[in-house]
N, C-alpha and C. Protein backbone atom coordinates (compact mmCIF):
# COMPACT_ATOMS: atom_id res chain seq x y z
N MET A 1 235.45 305.21 -24.74
CA MET A 1 235.42 306.46 -24.01
C MET A 1 236.85 306.95 -23.82
N ALA A 2 236.99 308.27 -23.72
CA ALA A 2 238.33 308.85 -23.58
C ALA A 2 238.25 310.11 -22.73
N LEU A 3 239.32 310.40 -22.03
CA LEU A 3 239.47 311.64 -21.28
C LEU A 3 240.71 312.35 -21.80
N LEU A 4 240.55 313.54 -22.34
CA LEU A 4 241.67 314.37 -22.75
C LEU A 4 242.00 315.31 -21.59
N TYR A 5 243.27 315.42 -21.24
CA TYR A 5 243.63 316.24 -20.09
C TYR A 5 245.02 316.84 -20.29
N LEU A 6 245.29 317.90 -19.53
CA LEU A 6 246.61 318.53 -19.52
C LEU A 6 247.40 317.96 -18.35
N PRO A 7 248.51 317.26 -18.60
CA PRO A 7 249.27 316.62 -17.52
C PRO A 7 249.74 317.60 -16.44
N GLU A 8 249.95 318.86 -16.82
CA GLU A 8 250.41 319.83 -15.83
C GLU A 8 249.27 320.29 -14.90
N LEU A 9 248.03 319.98 -15.28
CA LEU A 9 246.88 320.39 -14.47
C LEU A 9 246.14 319.22 -13.83
N PHE A 10 246.39 318.02 -14.31
CA PHE A 10 245.67 316.86 -13.80
C PHE A 10 246.61 315.66 -13.79
N LYS A 11 246.98 315.23 -12.59
CA LYS A 11 247.88 314.09 -12.43
C LYS A 11 247.05 312.84 -12.13
N ILE A 12 247.10 311.87 -13.03
CA ILE A 12 246.29 310.67 -12.87
C ILE A 12 246.86 309.77 -11.77
N LEU A 13 245.98 309.37 -10.86
CA LEU A 13 246.35 308.47 -9.78
C LEU A 13 245.84 307.05 -10.03
N TYR A 14 244.71 306.96 -10.73
CA TYR A 14 244.10 305.64 -10.97
C TYR A 14 243.09 305.77 -12.11
N ASP A 15 242.98 304.72 -12.93
CA ASP A 15 241.94 304.72 -13.96
C ASP A 15 241.40 303.30 -14.14
N GLU A 16 240.15 303.23 -14.58
CA GLU A 16 239.48 301.94 -14.72
C GLU A 16 238.36 302.05 -15.75
N ALA A 17 238.22 301.03 -16.57
CA ALA A 17 237.07 300.91 -17.47
C ALA A 17 236.03 300.06 -16.76
N ILE A 18 234.90 300.66 -16.42
CA ILE A 18 233.84 299.97 -15.68
C ILE A 18 232.87 299.34 -16.67
N GLN A 19 232.74 298.04 -16.62
CA GLN A 19 231.87 297.34 -17.56
C GLN A 19 230.40 297.53 -17.18
N VAL A 20 229.59 297.80 -18.19
CA VAL A 20 228.14 297.95 -18.01
C VAL A 20 227.46 296.68 -18.52
N THR A 21 226.69 296.04 -17.67
CA THR A 21 225.95 294.84 -18.05
C THR A 21 224.46 295.08 -17.83
N PHE A 22 223.65 294.27 -18.50
CA PHE A 22 222.20 294.43 -18.44
C PHE A 22 221.56 293.24 -17.73
N ALA A 23 220.61 293.54 -16.87
CA ALA A 23 219.95 292.49 -16.09
C ALA A 23 219.23 291.49 -16.99
N ASP A 24 218.65 291.97 -18.09
CA ASP A 24 217.86 291.09 -18.95
C ASP A 24 218.66 290.46 -20.08
N ALA A 25 219.92 290.89 -20.23
CA ALA A 25 220.76 290.37 -21.31
C ALA A 25 222.22 290.45 -20.90
N PRO A 26 222.65 289.55 -20.00
CA PRO A 26 224.01 289.64 -19.44
C PRO A 26 225.12 289.51 -20.46
N ASN A 27 224.85 288.93 -21.62
CA ASN A 27 225.88 288.77 -22.64
C ASN A 27 225.90 289.91 -23.65
N SER A 28 224.98 290.83 -23.51
CA SER A 28 224.92 291.98 -24.42
C SER A 28 226.01 292.98 -24.05
N LYS A 29 226.60 293.62 -25.06
CA LYS A 29 227.71 294.54 -24.84
C LYS A 29 227.28 295.98 -25.09
N THR A 30 227.86 296.88 -24.33
CA THR A 30 227.67 298.31 -24.56
C THR A 30 228.94 299.02 -24.12
N ARG A 31 228.95 300.33 -24.19
CA ARG A 31 230.15 301.10 -23.85
C ARG A 31 230.43 301.05 -22.35
N ASP A 32 231.72 300.98 -22.02
CA ASP A 32 232.15 301.05 -20.63
C ASP A 32 231.95 302.47 -20.10
N ILE A 33 231.98 302.59 -18.78
CA ILE A 33 232.10 303.89 -18.11
C ILE A 33 233.57 304.07 -17.76
N LEU A 34 234.16 305.17 -18.15
CA LEU A 34 235.57 305.43 -17.84
C LEU A 34 235.65 306.18 -16.51
N TYR A 35 236.40 305.60 -15.58
CA TYR A 35 236.64 306.25 -14.28
C TYR A 35 238.11 306.62 -14.19
N VAL A 36 238.36 307.89 -13.87
CA VAL A 36 239.73 308.39 -13.70
C VAL A 36 239.79 309.20 -12.42
N CYS A 37 240.72 308.87 -11.57
CA CYS A 37 240.95 309.62 -10.34
C CYS A 37 242.27 310.36 -10.48
N GLY A 38 242.26 311.66 -10.18
CA GLY A 38 243.49 312.43 -10.34
C GLY A 38 243.57 313.58 -9.35
N ARG A 39 244.72 314.23 -9.36
CA ARG A 39 244.96 315.37 -8.47
C ARG A 39 245.11 316.65 -9.28
N VAL A 40 244.48 317.71 -8.81
CA VAL A 40 244.50 319.01 -9.49
C VAL A 40 245.48 319.93 -8.77
N PRO A 41 245.82 321.11 -9.37
CA PRO A 41 246.85 321.97 -8.78
C PRO A 41 246.57 322.43 -7.35
N SER A 42 245.31 322.49 -6.94
CA SER A 42 244.99 322.90 -5.57
C SER A 42 245.37 321.83 -4.55
N GLY A 43 245.73 320.64 -5.05
CA GLY A 43 246.04 319.52 -4.17
C GLY A 43 244.84 318.63 -3.92
N ASP A 44 243.68 319.03 -4.42
CA ASP A 44 242.46 318.23 -4.24
C ASP A 44 242.46 317.02 -5.17
N THR A 45 241.82 315.96 -4.73
CA THR A 45 241.59 314.79 -5.57
C THR A 45 240.23 314.94 -6.26
N LEU A 46 240.19 314.63 -7.55
CA LEU A 46 238.96 314.71 -8.33
C LEU A 46 238.67 313.35 -8.95
N HIS A 47 237.46 312.85 -8.71
CA HIS A 47 236.99 311.59 -9.29
C HIS A 47 236.15 311.91 -10.53
N VAL A 48 236.56 311.43 -11.69
CA VAL A 48 235.90 311.76 -12.95
C VAL A 48 235.31 310.49 -13.56
N PHE A 49 234.05 310.57 -13.96
CA PHE A 49 233.38 309.48 -14.67
C PHE A 49 232.92 309.99 -16.03
N ILE A 50 233.35 309.31 -17.10
CA ILE A 50 232.96 309.66 -18.47
C ILE A 50 231.98 308.60 -18.96
N CYS A 51 230.81 309.04 -19.39
CA CYS A 51 229.73 308.10 -19.70
C CYS A 51 229.17 308.30 -21.11
N HIS A 52 228.74 307.22 -21.71
CA HIS A 52 227.91 307.25 -22.92
C HIS A 52 226.90 306.12 -22.76
N PHE A 53 225.75 306.46 -22.19
CA PHE A 53 224.73 305.46 -21.88
C PHE A 53 224.10 304.91 -23.16
N PRO A 54 223.48 303.73 -23.07
CA PRO A 54 222.84 303.11 -24.24
C PRO A 54 221.86 304.05 -24.93
N SER A 55 221.78 303.91 -26.24
CA SER A 55 220.98 304.83 -27.06
C SER A 55 219.49 304.57 -26.90
N ARG A 56 218.71 305.43 -27.54
CA ARG A 56 217.25 305.30 -27.56
C ARG A 56 216.78 304.53 -28.79
N LEU A 57 217.69 303.87 -29.46
CA LEU A 57 217.34 303.09 -30.64
C LEU A 57 216.27 302.06 -30.29
N GLY A 58 215.20 302.06 -31.07
CA GLY A 58 214.09 301.16 -30.79
C GLY A 58 212.99 301.79 -29.98
N GLY A 59 213.24 303.03 -29.51
CA GLY A 59 212.22 303.74 -28.73
C GLY A 59 212.71 304.10 -27.35
N GLU A 60 212.29 305.27 -26.85
CA GLU A 60 212.72 305.73 -25.54
C GLU A 60 212.31 304.76 -24.43
N LEU A 61 211.05 304.39 -24.39
CA LEU A 61 210.57 303.51 -23.33
C LEU A 61 211.13 302.10 -23.47
N GLU A 62 211.23 301.62 -24.71
CA GLU A 62 211.72 300.27 -24.95
C GLU A 62 213.19 300.11 -24.53
N SER A 63 213.96 301.18 -24.57
CA SER A 63 215.39 301.12 -24.25
C SER A 63 215.72 301.66 -22.86
N ALA A 64 214.71 302.15 -22.13
CA ALA A 64 214.95 302.83 -20.86
C ALA A 64 215.59 301.93 -19.81
N ASP A 65 215.22 300.65 -19.80
CA ASP A 65 215.79 299.73 -18.80
C ASP A 65 217.30 299.66 -18.88
N ARG A 66 217.84 299.75 -20.08
CA ARG A 66 219.29 299.64 -20.24
C ARG A 66 220.01 300.87 -19.70
N ARG A 67 219.39 302.02 -19.86
CA ARG A 67 220.00 303.22 -19.28
C ARG A 67 219.88 303.21 -17.76
N ARG A 68 218.80 302.65 -17.26
CA ARG A 68 218.67 302.51 -15.81
C ARG A 68 219.70 301.53 -15.26
N ASP A 69 219.97 300.45 -15.99
CA ASP A 69 221.02 299.51 -15.57
C ASP A 69 222.38 300.20 -15.51
N ALA A 70 222.69 301.01 -16.52
CA ALA A 70 223.96 301.75 -16.53
C ALA A 70 224.03 302.71 -15.35
N ALA A 71 222.91 303.37 -15.05
CA ALA A 71 222.88 304.31 -13.93
C ALA A 71 223.08 303.59 -12.60
N ARG A 72 222.53 302.39 -12.46
CA ARG A 72 222.71 301.61 -11.22
C ARG A 72 224.18 301.26 -11.00
N ILE A 73 224.85 300.87 -12.06
CA ILE A 73 226.27 300.52 -11.95
C ILE A 73 227.08 301.75 -11.58
N LEU A 74 226.78 302.89 -12.21
CA LEU A 74 227.47 304.13 -11.89
C LEU A 74 227.20 304.52 -10.44
N ARG A 75 225.97 304.44 -10.01
CA ARG A 75 225.61 304.81 -8.63
C ARG A 75 226.34 303.92 -7.62
N LYS A 76 226.50 302.65 -7.94
CA LYS A 76 227.21 301.73 -7.06
C LYS A 76 228.65 302.20 -6.84
N HIS A 77 229.30 302.65 -7.90
CA HIS A 77 230.68 303.13 -7.77
C HIS A 77 230.75 304.46 -7.03
N ILE A 78 229.76 305.32 -7.23
CA ILE A 78 229.71 306.57 -6.47
C ILE A 78 229.55 306.26 -4.98
N ASN A 79 228.67 305.33 -4.65
CA ASN A 79 228.46 304.96 -3.25
C ASN A 79 229.75 304.44 -2.62
N PHE A 80 230.50 303.63 -3.38
CA PHE A 80 231.75 303.07 -2.87
C PHE A 80 232.74 304.18 -2.52
N ILE A 81 232.83 305.19 -3.39
CA ILE A 81 233.73 306.32 -3.13
C ILE A 81 233.27 307.11 -1.91
N GLN A 82 231.97 307.40 -1.84
CA GLN A 82 231.47 308.25 -0.76
C GLN A 82 231.42 307.54 0.58
N GLU A 83 231.36 306.22 0.58
CA GLU A 83 231.45 305.49 1.85
C GLU A 83 232.82 305.66 2.48
N LYS A 84 233.83 305.85 1.65
CA LYS A 84 235.19 306.08 2.15
C LYS A 84 235.44 307.55 2.45
N ASP A 85 234.78 308.44 1.68
CA ASP A 85 235.00 309.88 1.84
C ASP A 85 233.73 310.62 1.44
N VAL A 86 232.94 311.03 2.42
CA VAL A 86 231.68 311.70 2.12
C VAL A 86 231.91 313.06 1.45
N GLU A 87 233.12 313.60 1.56
CA GLU A 87 233.44 314.88 0.95
C GLU A 87 234.19 314.72 -0.38
N ALA A 88 234.06 313.58 -1.00
CA ALA A 88 234.75 313.33 -2.27
C ALA A 88 234.28 314.32 -3.34
N ASN A 89 235.24 314.79 -4.13
CA ASN A 89 234.94 315.67 -5.27
C ASN A 89 234.69 314.79 -6.49
N ILE A 90 233.46 314.79 -6.98
CA ILE A 90 233.06 313.88 -8.06
C ILE A 90 232.51 314.68 -9.23
N LEU A 91 232.97 314.35 -10.43
CA LEU A 91 232.50 314.96 -11.67
C LEU A 91 232.06 313.84 -12.60
N ILE A 92 230.81 313.90 -13.05
CA ILE A 92 230.25 312.90 -13.97
C ILE A 92 229.79 313.63 -15.22
N MET A 93 230.21 313.18 -16.39
CA MET A 93 229.82 313.90 -17.61
C MET A 93 229.74 312.95 -18.79
N GLY A 94 228.98 313.37 -19.79
CA GLY A 94 228.87 312.58 -21.00
C GLY A 94 227.49 312.65 -21.62
N ASP A 95 227.28 311.77 -22.60
CA ASP A 95 226.00 311.63 -23.30
C ASP A 95 225.22 310.51 -22.62
N PHE A 96 224.16 310.87 -21.92
CA PHE A 96 223.39 309.90 -21.15
C PHE A 96 222.16 309.42 -21.90
N ASN A 97 221.90 309.98 -23.06
CA ASN A 97 220.73 309.62 -23.86
C ASN A 97 219.43 309.68 -23.06
N ASP A 98 219.43 310.47 -22.02
CA ASP A 98 218.24 310.75 -21.22
C ASP A 98 218.30 312.20 -20.76
N TYR A 99 217.12 312.72 -20.42
CA TYR A 99 217.03 314.09 -19.92
C TYR A 99 217.21 314.11 -18.40
N PRO A 100 217.50 315.27 -17.81
CA PRO A 100 217.75 315.34 -16.37
C PRO A 100 216.62 314.80 -15.51
N ASP A 101 215.37 314.90 -15.99
CA ASP A 101 214.24 314.43 -15.19
C ASP A 101 213.80 313.01 -15.53
N ASN A 102 214.55 312.32 -16.40
CA ASN A 102 214.24 310.92 -16.67
C ASN A 102 214.67 310.03 -15.50
N THR A 103 214.07 308.86 -15.40
CA THR A 103 214.26 307.98 -14.25
C THR A 103 215.72 307.59 -14.03
N SER A 104 216.44 307.29 -15.10
CA SER A 104 217.82 306.83 -14.96
C SER A 104 218.68 307.84 -14.21
N LEU A 105 218.49 309.11 -14.51
CA LEU A 105 219.31 310.16 -13.91
C LEU A 105 218.74 310.68 -12.60
N HIS A 106 217.45 310.97 -12.59
CA HIS A 106 216.85 311.61 -11.42
C HIS A 106 216.60 310.64 -10.28
N ASP A 107 216.15 309.43 -10.59
CA ASP A 107 215.76 308.48 -9.54
C ASP A 107 216.83 307.44 -9.24
N VAL A 108 217.45 306.87 -10.29
CA VAL A 108 218.43 305.81 -10.07
C VAL A 108 219.79 306.41 -9.68
N LEU A 109 220.31 307.31 -10.49
CA LEU A 109 221.58 307.95 -10.15
C LEU A 109 221.41 308.96 -9.02
N GLN A 110 220.21 309.47 -8.86
CA GLN A 110 219.88 310.45 -7.81
C GLN A 110 220.63 311.76 -8.01
N ALA A 111 220.62 312.21 -9.27
CA ALA A 111 221.23 313.50 -9.61
C ALA A 111 220.14 314.56 -9.57
N ARG A 112 220.20 315.43 -8.59
CA ARG A 112 219.14 316.39 -8.32
C ARG A 112 219.32 317.70 -9.08
N GLU A 113 218.25 318.47 -9.11
CA GLU A 113 218.33 319.84 -9.60
C GLU A 113 219.08 320.67 -8.56
N PRO A 114 220.03 321.52 -8.98
CA PRO A 114 220.83 322.28 -8.01
C PRO A 114 220.03 323.40 -7.34
N HIS A 115 219.81 323.25 -6.04
CA HIS A 115 219.14 324.27 -5.23
C HIS A 115 219.90 324.40 -3.92
N ASN A 116 220.12 325.62 -3.48
CA ASN A 116 220.68 325.86 -2.15
C ASN A 116 219.61 325.56 -1.10
N PRO A 117 219.99 325.06 0.09
CA PRO A 117 221.36 324.72 0.49
C PRO A 117 221.79 323.37 -0.09
N PHE A 118 223.04 323.32 -0.54
CA PHE A 118 223.57 322.09 -1.10
C PHE A 118 224.06 321.17 0.02
N ARG A 119 223.92 319.88 -0.22
CA ARG A 119 224.47 318.89 0.71
C ARG A 119 225.65 318.21 0.04
N LYS A 120 226.76 318.12 0.75
CA LYS A 120 228.01 317.68 0.15
C LYS A 120 227.97 316.26 -0.38
N GLU A 121 227.07 315.41 0.17
CA GLU A 121 227.02 314.01 -0.26
C GLU A 121 226.04 313.78 -1.41
N TYR A 122 225.26 314.79 -1.78
CA TYR A 122 224.31 314.64 -2.88
C TYR A 122 224.99 314.84 -4.23
N LEU A 123 224.36 314.32 -5.28
CA LEU A 123 224.77 314.62 -6.65
C LEU A 123 223.82 315.66 -7.23
N TYR A 124 224.38 316.62 -7.96
CA TYR A 124 223.57 317.69 -8.57
C TYR A 124 223.85 317.76 -10.06
N ASN A 125 222.79 317.74 -10.84
CA ASN A 125 222.91 317.83 -12.30
C ASN A 125 222.88 319.30 -12.69
N LEU A 126 224.03 319.84 -13.07
CA LEU A 126 224.12 321.27 -13.38
C LEU A 126 223.40 321.63 -14.67
N MET A 127 223.04 320.63 -15.48
CA MET A 127 222.32 320.89 -16.73
C MET A 127 220.81 321.03 -16.50
N PHE A 128 220.34 320.69 -15.32
CA PHE A 128 218.90 320.70 -15.05
C PHE A 128 218.25 322.05 -15.34
N PRO A 129 218.82 323.17 -14.84
CA PRO A 129 218.19 324.47 -15.12
C PRO A 129 218.12 324.80 -16.61
N LEU A 130 219.17 324.46 -17.36
CA LEU A 130 219.15 324.72 -18.80
C LEU A 130 218.07 323.88 -19.48
N HIS A 131 217.92 322.65 -19.02
CA HIS A 131 216.87 321.78 -19.55
C HIS A 131 215.49 322.39 -19.32
N LYS A 132 215.26 322.92 -18.12
CA LYS A 132 213.96 323.50 -17.80
C LYS A 132 213.71 324.79 -18.58
N GLU A 133 214.78 325.45 -19.00
CA GLU A 133 214.64 326.66 -19.81
C GLU A 133 214.38 326.35 -21.28
N GLY A 134 214.39 325.07 -21.63
CA GLY A 134 214.15 324.68 -23.01
C GLY A 134 215.38 324.68 -23.89
N LYS A 135 216.55 324.83 -23.28
CA LYS A 135 217.80 324.79 -24.04
C LYS A 135 218.23 323.33 -24.21
N GLY A 136 219.06 323.08 -25.21
CA GLY A 136 219.42 321.69 -25.46
C GLY A 136 220.76 321.51 -26.13
N THR A 137 221.21 320.26 -26.14
CA THR A 137 222.46 319.88 -26.78
C THR A 137 222.23 319.02 -28.01
N HIS A 138 220.99 318.62 -28.22
CA HIS A 138 220.64 317.70 -29.30
C HIS A 138 219.25 318.07 -29.81
N LYS A 139 219.03 317.93 -31.11
CA LYS A 139 217.72 318.28 -31.68
C LYS A 139 217.11 317.05 -32.34
N HIS A 140 215.92 316.67 -31.86
CA HIS A 140 215.16 315.57 -32.45
C HIS A 140 213.94 316.17 -33.13
N GLU A 141 213.93 316.09 -34.45
CA GLU A 141 212.91 316.76 -35.25
C GLU A 141 212.93 318.25 -34.90
N ALA A 142 211.85 318.81 -34.36
CA ALA A 142 211.84 320.25 -34.07
C ALA A 142 212.16 320.57 -32.62
N GLU A 143 212.46 319.55 -31.82
CA GLU A 143 212.59 319.75 -30.37
C GLU A 143 214.04 319.61 -29.91
N TRP A 144 214.51 320.65 -29.20
CA TRP A 144 215.82 320.59 -28.56
C TRP A 144 215.68 319.87 -27.21
N GLY A 145 216.69 319.09 -26.86
CA GLY A 145 216.69 318.40 -25.58
C GLY A 145 218.09 318.28 -25.02
N THR A 146 218.18 318.14 -23.71
CA THR A 146 219.47 318.06 -23.03
C THR A 146 219.77 316.61 -22.70
N LEU A 147 220.47 315.93 -23.61
CA LEU A 147 220.88 314.55 -23.39
C LEU A 147 222.28 314.46 -22.78
N ASP A 148 223.01 315.55 -22.83
CA ASP A 148 224.40 315.58 -22.34
C ASP A 148 224.42 316.29 -20.98
N GLN A 149 225.04 315.66 -20.01
CA GLN A 149 224.95 316.14 -18.63
C GLN A 149 226.33 316.40 -18.03
N ILE A 150 226.34 317.33 -17.09
CA ILE A 150 227.48 317.54 -16.20
C ILE A 150 226.94 317.50 -14.78
N ILE A 151 227.38 316.50 -14.03
CA ILE A 151 226.86 316.23 -12.69
C ILE A 151 228.03 316.30 -11.71
N VAL A 152 227.82 316.96 -10.58
CA VAL A 152 228.89 317.08 -9.59
C VAL A 152 228.37 316.71 -8.21
N SER A 153 229.29 316.32 -7.35
CA SER A 153 228.93 316.10 -5.95
C SER A 153 228.76 317.44 -5.26
N GLY A 154 227.89 317.46 -4.25
CA GLY A 154 227.60 318.71 -3.56
C GLY A 154 228.81 319.35 -2.91
N HIS A 155 229.81 318.54 -2.58
CA HIS A 155 231.00 319.10 -1.93
C HIS A 155 231.69 320.13 -2.83
N LEU A 156 231.58 319.96 -4.14
CA LEU A 156 232.17 320.93 -5.07
C LEU A 156 231.38 322.23 -5.13
N LEU A 157 230.16 322.23 -4.59
CA LEU A 157 229.31 323.42 -4.62
C LEU A 157 229.28 324.16 -3.29
N VAL A 158 229.71 323.52 -2.21
CA VAL A 158 229.62 324.15 -0.88
C VAL A 158 230.96 324.65 -0.38
N ARG A 159 232.02 324.39 -1.11
CA ARG A 159 233.36 324.71 -0.62
C ARG A 159 233.62 326.21 -0.64
N GLN A 160 234.39 326.66 0.31
CA GLN A 160 234.82 328.06 0.36
C GLN A 160 236.27 328.22 -0.09
N GLN A 161 236.97 327.12 -0.20
CA GLN A 161 238.35 327.14 -0.67
C GLN A 161 238.65 325.82 -1.36
N GLY A 162 239.80 325.75 -2.04
CA GLY A 162 240.11 324.56 -2.81
C GLY A 162 239.30 324.51 -4.09
N LEU A 163 239.17 323.34 -4.68
CA LEU A 163 238.46 323.17 -5.95
C LEU A 163 236.95 323.33 -5.75
N TYR A 164 236.33 324.16 -6.60
CA TYR A 164 234.87 324.33 -6.50
C TYR A 164 234.31 324.83 -7.82
N THR A 165 232.99 324.77 -7.93
CA THR A 165 232.27 325.33 -9.07
C THR A 165 230.92 325.82 -8.59
N THR A 166 230.12 326.38 -9.49
CA THR A 166 228.77 326.84 -9.16
C THR A 166 227.82 326.43 -10.28
N PRO A 167 226.52 326.39 -10.03
CA PRO A 167 225.57 326.06 -11.10
C PRO A 167 225.64 327.02 -12.28
N ALA A 168 226.07 328.25 -12.05
CA ALA A 168 226.17 329.24 -13.13
C ALA A 168 227.38 329.01 -14.03
N ASP A 169 228.26 328.08 -13.64
CA ASP A 169 229.50 327.86 -14.39
C ASP A 169 229.38 326.78 -15.45
N VAL A 170 228.19 326.24 -15.68
CA VAL A 170 228.00 325.23 -16.72
C VAL A 170 227.42 325.89 -17.96
N HIS A 171 227.86 325.43 -19.14
CA HIS A 171 227.47 326.09 -20.39
C HIS A 171 227.30 325.06 -21.50
N ILE A 172 226.46 325.41 -22.47
CA ILE A 172 226.37 324.70 -23.74
C ILE A 172 227.16 325.52 -24.76
N PHE A 173 228.12 324.89 -25.43
CA PHE A 173 228.96 325.59 -26.41
C PHE A 173 228.25 325.53 -27.76
N ASN A 174 227.54 326.61 -28.09
CA ASN A 174 226.69 326.60 -29.28
C ASN A 174 227.07 327.69 -30.28
N VAL A 175 228.36 327.78 -30.56
CA VAL A 175 228.84 328.78 -31.52
C VAL A 175 228.38 328.42 -32.93
N ASP A 176 228.39 329.42 -33.82
CA ASP A 176 227.79 329.28 -35.15
C ASP A 176 228.37 328.14 -35.97
N PHE A 177 229.69 327.91 -35.89
CA PHE A 177 230.29 326.91 -36.78
C PHE A 177 229.90 325.48 -36.41
N LEU A 178 229.30 325.28 -35.24
CA LEU A 178 228.82 323.95 -34.84
C LEU A 178 227.38 323.70 -35.28
N LEU A 179 226.76 324.70 -35.92
CA LEU A 179 225.35 324.62 -36.29
C LEU A 179 225.17 324.76 -37.79
N GLU A 180 224.03 324.31 -38.28
CA GLU A 180 223.65 324.52 -39.67
C GLU A 180 222.15 324.79 -39.73
N ASP A 181 221.69 325.31 -40.86
CA ASP A 181 220.27 325.58 -41.03
C ASP A 181 219.48 324.28 -41.04
N ASP A 182 218.36 324.28 -40.34
CA ASP A 182 217.45 323.14 -40.33
C ASP A 182 216.37 323.41 -41.37
N LEU A 183 216.53 322.84 -42.55
CA LEU A 183 215.64 323.14 -43.66
C LEU A 183 214.27 322.48 -43.50
N LYS A 184 214.20 321.41 -42.71
CA LYS A 184 212.94 320.70 -42.53
C LYS A 184 212.12 321.24 -41.37
N TYR A 185 212.77 321.46 -40.23
CA TYR A 185 212.04 321.89 -39.03
C TYR A 185 212.31 323.35 -38.66
N LEU A 186 213.10 324.03 -39.49
CA LEU A 186 213.41 325.45 -39.33
C LEU A 186 214.37 325.69 -38.16
N GLY A 187 214.88 326.90 -38.09
CA GLY A 187 215.86 327.24 -37.08
C GLY A 187 217.21 326.63 -37.40
N LYS A 188 217.93 326.26 -36.36
CA LYS A 188 219.26 325.66 -36.50
C LYS A 188 219.25 324.25 -35.91
N LYS A 189 220.27 323.48 -36.27
CA LYS A 189 220.49 322.17 -35.68
C LYS A 189 221.99 321.91 -35.67
N PRO A 190 222.47 320.98 -34.83
CA PRO A 190 223.91 320.67 -34.83
C PRO A 190 224.37 320.18 -36.20
N PHE A 191 225.56 320.64 -36.60
CA PHE A 191 226.17 320.26 -37.88
C PHE A 191 226.89 318.94 -37.67
N ARG A 192 226.24 317.85 -38.04
CA ARG A 192 226.74 316.52 -37.73
C ARG A 192 227.81 316.07 -38.72
N THR A 193 228.56 315.04 -38.34
CA THR A 193 229.63 314.50 -39.17
C THR A 193 229.08 313.63 -40.29
N TYR A 194 228.15 312.75 -39.94
CA TYR A 194 227.54 311.83 -40.90
C TYR A 194 226.02 311.98 -40.87
N SER A 195 225.40 311.76 -42.01
CA SER A 195 223.96 311.59 -42.11
C SER A 195 223.75 310.19 -42.68
N GLY A 196 223.44 309.23 -41.80
CA GLY A 196 223.46 307.83 -42.22
C GLY A 196 224.88 307.42 -42.53
N MET A 197 225.12 306.93 -43.74
CA MET A 197 226.46 306.55 -44.17
C MET A 197 227.14 307.65 -44.97
N LYS A 198 226.46 308.77 -45.13
CA LYS A 198 227.01 309.86 -45.94
C LYS A 198 227.79 310.83 -45.07
N TYR A 199 229.05 311.07 -45.45
CA TYR A 199 229.90 312.02 -44.73
C TYR A 199 229.56 313.43 -45.20
N ILE A 200 229.16 314.30 -44.25
CA ILE A 200 228.80 315.66 -44.62
C ILE A 200 229.74 316.70 -44.02
N GLY A 201 230.74 316.26 -43.25
CA GLY A 201 231.82 317.14 -42.85
C GLY A 201 231.60 318.01 -41.64
N GLY A 202 230.55 317.73 -40.86
CA GLY A 202 230.32 318.51 -39.66
C GLY A 202 231.09 317.99 -38.47
N PHE A 203 230.65 318.35 -37.29
CA PHE A 203 231.37 318.02 -36.07
C PHE A 203 230.67 316.93 -35.25
N SER A 204 229.39 317.12 -34.97
CA SER A 204 228.65 316.16 -34.15
C SER A 204 227.17 316.50 -34.20
N ASP A 205 226.33 315.49 -33.92
CA ASP A 205 224.90 315.77 -33.80
C ASP A 205 224.53 316.20 -32.38
N HIS A 206 225.55 316.35 -31.52
CA HIS A 206 225.37 316.91 -30.18
C HIS A 206 226.26 318.14 -30.03
N LEU A 207 225.80 319.12 -29.27
CA LEU A 207 226.63 320.27 -28.94
C LEU A 207 227.45 319.97 -27.68
N PRO A 208 228.68 320.50 -27.60
CA PRO A 208 229.50 320.27 -26.40
C PRO A 208 228.93 321.00 -25.19
N VAL A 209 229.23 320.46 -24.02
CA VAL A 209 228.92 321.13 -22.76
C VAL A 209 230.22 321.25 -21.97
N TYR A 210 230.31 322.28 -21.14
CA TYR A 210 231.53 322.44 -20.33
C TYR A 210 231.19 323.15 -19.02
N VAL A 211 232.08 322.98 -18.06
CA VAL A 211 231.92 323.62 -16.76
C VAL A 211 233.26 324.21 -16.34
N ASP A 212 233.23 325.38 -15.74
CA ASP A 212 234.43 326.03 -15.21
C ASP A 212 234.61 325.65 -13.75
N PHE A 213 235.84 325.32 -13.39
CA PHE A 213 236.19 325.07 -12.00
C PHE A 213 237.14 326.15 -11.52
N TRP A 214 237.13 326.39 -10.23
CA TRP A 214 237.95 327.43 -9.61
C TRP A 214 238.71 326.84 -8.43
N TYR A 215 239.85 327.43 -8.13
CA TYR A 215 240.60 327.03 -6.93
C TYR A 215 241.54 328.16 -6.53
């Protein structure tokens, strides 16, 4: 995992690679969660978590426990931060290999659909409304789905000054050059880098997501 940042806009205070382990296979390895704490120009501290949860290889249900394990570990670290500061500014993003209403995100991580009034200690998945509209970042056969999430703490949604964002500030970056014709299922699909072991010169099988912050 990696975080690209502009040093003039984000001053790193602390970083850590959080190991993800599985209850049923403690010796099995998967990607770490990257945690970076930094300061933004408004003077606010921002806690950033970059995630790539275990894949759906072998089947969605068969692999779901591993994504729930990853979500439990992430939730534990969120709880630790919020026990010290209930108004902590938290940003969680990445490829979770689950949809906003799947158990790992909605029940274990407790990332809710954004609805006013917001509570500063809750987590809100800003991708939830796009998911419900049928928009997506990844295409499986003929179906688009939102596997990539941007989740924020409620404090970033209730603020009147300092660093903040809104549910309307999250977007899927789906410009033409990131897409190609889907000859099998029709429409468009992400222009991926590899198809199996064959290099086809695209960008990714997922579309990027981004959120605007204000201060």
